[in-house]
């Protein structure tokens, strides 16, 4: 963990460094959202208080991640949750024709690839 400055991945660390260089105020894994079944807790990676936008940074986006994101979105329709993929062209599973980006489109998640669009932390909701 220390080699990544407390972040869970080098991708998240790079995002945080970029945001800090731009002077963007953000929270990292501070907010918690409860969802069911069970109940469980989802901790979004980044939150921008000035725009009320949550951003989930994903390198790998497995079935458990996809199910969790759908449940959280369905049960918390007031939250603006967006996904930043390291590579949106990755397939959701080996042999699938569906990419991460296509999955996000199909399920109504705003997403980007590689770097975070400025509008996400400056303007908030569209």
C-alpha atoms as a PDB file:
ATOM      1  CA  UNK A   1       0.000   0.000   0.000  1.00  0.00           C
ATOM      2  CA  UNK A   2       2.744   2.489   0.908  1.00  0.00           C
ATOM      3  CA  UNK A   3       4.320   2.323  -2.534  1.00  0.00           C
ATOM      4  CA  UNK A   4       1.015   3.615  -3.901  1.00  0.00           C
ATOM      5  CA  UNK A   5       0.611   6.348  -1.305  1.00  0.00           C
ATOM      6  CA  UNK A   6      -2.418   4.743   0.352  1.00  0.00           C
ATOM      7  CA  UNK A   7      -4.256   4.186  -2.930  1.00  0.00           C
ATOM      8  CA  UNK A   8      -5.394   0.736  -4.017  1.00  0.00           C
ATOM      9  CA  UNK A   9      -3.773   0.895  -7.455  1.00  0.00           C
ATOM     10  CA  UNK A  10      -1.242   2.829  -9.471  1.00  0.00           C
ATOM     11  CA  UNK A  11      -4.159   3.974 -11.647  1.00  0.00           C
ATOM     12  CA  UNK A  12      -5.888   5.594  -8.629  1.00  0.00           C
ATOM     13  CA  UNK A  13      -2.592   7.115  -7.471  1.00  0.00           C
ATOM     14  CA  UNK A  14      -2.052   8.677 -10.908  1.00  0.00           C
ATOM     15  CA  UNK A  15      -5.566  10.133 -10.881  1.00  0.00           C
ATOM     16  CA  UNK A  16      -5.051  11.620  -7.415  1.00  0.00           C
ATOM     17  CA  UNK A  17      -1.691  13.147  -8.398  1.00  0.00           C
ATOM     18  CA  UNK A  18      -3.217  14.716 -11.494  1.00  0.00           C
ATOM     19  CA  UNK A  19      -6.116  16.163  -9.495  1.00  0.00           C
ATOM     20  CA  UNK A  20      -3.766  17.572  -6.838  1.00  0.00           C
ATOM     21  CA  UNK A  21      -1.584  19.201  -9.516  1.00  0.00           C
ATOM     22  CA  UNK A  22      -4.692  20.953 -10.829  1.00  0.00           C
ATOM     23  CA  UNK A  23      -5.704  22.083  -7.342  1.00  0.00           C
ATOM     24  CA  UNK A  24      -8.905  20.034  -7.368  1.00  0.00           C
ATOM     25  CA  UNK A  25     -10.518  19.362  -4.003  1.00  0.00           C
ATOM     26  CA  UNK A  26     -11.579  15.727  -3.667  1.00  0.00           C
ATOM     27  CA  UNK A  27     -12.117  12.979  -1.122  1.00  0.00           C
ATOM     28  CA  UNK A  28     -10.690   9.494  -1.527  1.00  0.00           C
ATOM     29  CA  UNK A  29     -12.721   6.556  -0.192  1.00  0.00           C
ATOM     30  CA  UNK A  30     -14.365   8.642   2.559  1.00  0.00           C
ATOM     31  CA  UNK A  31     -18.045   8.204   1.636  1.00  0.00           C
ATOM     32  CA  UNK A  32     -19.971   4.983   2.129  1.00  0.00           C
ATOM     33  CA  UNK A  33     -23.163   3.914   0.361  1.00  0.00           C
ATOM     34  CA  UNK A  34     -25.207   1.002   1.747  1.00  0.00           C
ATOM     35  CA  UNK A  35     -26.920  -1.386  -0.640  1.00  0.00           C
ATOM     36  CA  UNK A  36     -28.642  -4.765  -0.452  1.00  0.00           C
ATOM     37  CA  UNK A  37     -28.715  -7.757  -0.554  1.00  0.00           C
ATOM     38  CA  UNK A  38     -27.117  -8.513   2.800  1.00  0.00           C
ATOM     39  CA  UNK A  39     -26.694  -5.234   3.352  1.00  0.00           C
ATOM     40  CA  UNK A  40     -23.272  -4.283   2.078  1.00  0.00           C
ATOM     41  CA  UNK A  41     -21.288  -1.098   1.760  1.00  0.00           C
ATOM     42  CA  UNK A  42     -19.894   0.473  -1.397  1.00  0.00           C
ATOM     43  CA  UNK A  43     -17.049   2.965  -1.016  1.00  0.00           C
ATOM     44  CA  UNK A  44     -16.644   5.125  -4.139  1.00  0.00           C
ATOM     45  CA  UNK A  45     -13.030   5.911  -4.997  1.00  0.00           C
ATOM     46  CA  UNK A  46     -13.328   9.653  -5.553  1.00  0.00           C
ATOM     47  CA  UNK A  47     -15.906  12.205  -4.460  1.00  0.00           C
ATOM     48  CA  UNK A  48     -16.002  15.851  -5.529  1.00  0.00           C
ATOM     49  CA  UNK A  49     -17.848  17.918  -2.897  1.00  0.00           C
ATOM     50  CA  UNK A  50     -18.103  20.978  -5.156  1.00  0.00           C
ATOM     51  CA  UNK A  51     -20.071  19.067  -7.817  1.00  0.00           C
ATOM     52  CA  UNK A  52     -21.531  16.150  -5.810  1.00  0.00           C
ATOM     53  CA  UNK A  53     -20.049  13.647  -8.294  1.00  0.00           C
ATOM     54  CA  UNK A  54     -18.703  10.197  -7.378  1.00  0.00           C
ATOM     55  CA  UNK A  55     -16.097   8.522  -9.588  1.00  0.00           C
ATOM     56  CA  UNK A  56     -15.176   4.859  -9.573  1.00  0.00           C
ATOM     57  CA  UNK A  57     -11.736   4.181 -11.105  1.00  0.00           C
ATOM     58  CA  UNK A  58     -11.545   0.744 -12.728  1.00  0.00           C
ATOM     59  CA  UNK A  59      -8.655  -1.120 -14.227  1.00  0.00           C
ATOM     60  CA  UNK A  60     -10.241  -4.556 -13.928  1.00  0.00           C
ATOM     61  CA  UNK A  61     -14.069  -4.591 -14.052  1.00  0.00           C
ATOM     62  CA  UNK A  62     -15.226  -8.094 -13.152  1.00  0.00           C
ATOM     63  CA  UNK A  63     -18.699  -9.550 -12.739  1.00  0.00           C
ATOM     64  CA  UNK A  64     -18.842  -8.735  -8.996  1.00  0.00           C
ATOM     65  CA  UNK A  65     -17.963  -5.098  -9.756  1.00  0.00           C
ATOM     66  CA  UNK A  66     -20.649  -4.892 -12.431  1.00  0.00           C
ATOM     67  CA  UNK A  67     -23.350  -6.415 -10.201  1.00  0.00           C
ATOM     68  CA  UNK A  68     -22.384  -4.088  -7.346  1.00  0.00           C
ATOM     69  CA  UNK A  69     -22.488  -0.989  -9.553  1.00  0.00           C
ATOM     70  CA  UNK A  70     -25.949  -1.915 -10.874  1.00  0.00           C
ATOM     71  CA  UNK A  71     -27.342  -2.493  -7.369  1.00  0.00           C
ATOM     72  CA  UNK A  72     -25.854   0.745  -6.023  1.00  0.00           C
ATOM     73  CA  UNK A  73     -27.199   2.758  -8.974  1.00  0.00           C
ATOM     74  CA  UNK A  74     -30.657   1.172  -8.778  1.00  0.00           C
ATOM     75  CA  UNK A  75     -30.943   1.678  -5.019  1.00  0.00           C
ATOM     76  CA  UNK A  76     -29.425   5.190  -4.994  1.00  0.00           C
ATOM     77  CA  UNK A  77     -30.786   6.913  -8.118  1.00  0.00           C
ATOM     78  CA  UNK A  78     -30.007  10.345  -6.656  1.00  0.00           C
ATOM     79  CA  UNK A  79     -26.232   9.682  -6.688  1.00  0.00           C
ATOM     80  CA  UNK A  80     -24.220  10.796  -9.715  1.00  0.00           C
ATOM     81  CA  UNK A  81     -21.776   7.888 -10.054  1.00  0.00           C
ATOM     82  CA  UNK A  82     -19.397   7.872 -13.012  1.00  0.00           C
ATOM     83  CA  UNK A  83     -16.768   5.350 -14.054  1.00  0.00           C
ATOM     84  CA  UNK A  84     -13.222   6.103 -15.150  1.00  0.00           C
ATOM     85  CA  UNK A  85     -11.824   3.072 -16.972  1.00  0.00           C
ATOM     86  CA  UNK A  86      -8.139   2.512 -17.432  1.00  0.00           C
ATOM     87  CA  UNK A  87      -9.045   0.814 -20.730  1.00  0.00           C
ATOM     88  CA  UNK A  88     -12.720   0.985 -21.776  1.00  0.00           C
ATOM     89  CA  UNK A  89     -12.048  -1.319 -24.739  1.00  0.00           C
ATOM     90  CA  UNK A  90     -11.378  -4.313 -22.472  1.00  0.00           C
ATOM     91  CA  UNK A  91     -13.998  -7.059 -22.819  1.00  0.00           C
ATOM     92  CA  UNK A  92     -16.233  -7.776 -19.811  1.00  0.00           C
ATOM     93  CA  UNK A  93     -15.095 -11.404 -19.983  1.00  0.00           C
ATOM     94  CA  UNK A  94     -12.953 -13.527 -22.282  1.00  0.00           C
ATOM     95  CA  UNK A  95     -14.771 -14.140 -25.557  1.00  0.00           C
ATOM     96  CA  UNK A  96     -17.381 -11.415 -24.978  1.00  0.00           C
ATOM     97  CA  UNK A  97     -18.083  -8.804 -27.631  1.00  0.00           C
ATOM     98  CA  UNK A  98     -19.118  -6.311 -24.935  1.00  0.00           C
ATOM     99  CA  UNK A  99     -16.483  -3.821 -23.814  1.00  0.00           C
ATOM    100  CA  UNK A 100     -16.398  -2.043 -20.458  1.00  0.00           C
ATOM    101  CA  UNK A 101     -17.494   1.165 -22.199  1.00  0.00           C
ATOM    102  CA  UNK A 102     -20.397  -0.539 -24.001  1.00  0.00           C
ATOM    103  CA  UNK A 103     -21.536  -2.073 -20.693  1.00  0.00           C
ATOM    104  CA  UNK A 104     -21.497   1.366 -19.043  1.00  0.00           C
ATOM    105  CA  UNK A 105     -23.462   2.859 -21.950  1.00  0.00           C
ATOM    106  CA  UNK A 106     -26.054   0.090 -21.782  1.00  0.00           C
ATOM    107  CA  UNK A 107     -26.593   0.670 -18.065  1.00  0.00           C
ATOM    108  CA  UNK A 108     -26.632   4.458 -18.109  1.00  0.00           C
ATOM    109  CA  UNK A 109     -23.289   5.195 -16.461  1.00  0.00           C
ATOM    110  CA  UNK A 110     -21.364   8.207 -17.668  1.00  0.00           C
ATOM    111  CA  UNK A 111     -17.794   7.077 -18.251  1.00  0.00           C
ATOM    112  CA  UNK A 112     -14.412   8.074 -19.559  1.00  0.00           C
ATOM    113  CA  UNK A 113     -11.159   6.333 -20.372  1.00  0.00           C
ATOM    114  CA  UNK A 114      -7.668   7.056 -19.112  1.00  0.00           C
ATOM    115  CA  UNK A 115      -8.083  10.491 -17.564  1.00  0.00           C
ATOM    116  CA  UNK A 116     -10.902  12.305 -15.866  1.00  0.00           C
ATOM    117  CA  UNK A 117     -12.811  14.920 -17.858  1.00  0.00           C
ATOM    118  CA  UNK A 118     -12.551  18.366 -16.273  1.00  0.00           C
ATOM    119  CA  UNK A 119     -16.349  18.740 -16.367  1.00  0.00           C
ATOM    120  CA  UNK A 120     -16.688  15.955 -13.812  1.00  0.00           C
ATOM    121  CA  UNK A 121     -15.133  18.016 -11.045  1.00  0.00           C
ATOM    122  CA  UNK A 122     -15.918  21.516 -12.306  1.00  0.00           C
ATOM    123  CA  UNK A 123     -19.511  21.431 -13.586  1.00  0.00           C
ATOM    124  CA  UNK A 124     -21.012  18.353 -11.931  1.00  0.00           C
ATOM    125  CA  UNK A 125     -24.242  17.125 -13.446  1.00  0.00           C
ATOM    126  CA  UNK A 126     -25.053  17.733 -17.074  1.00  0.00           C
END
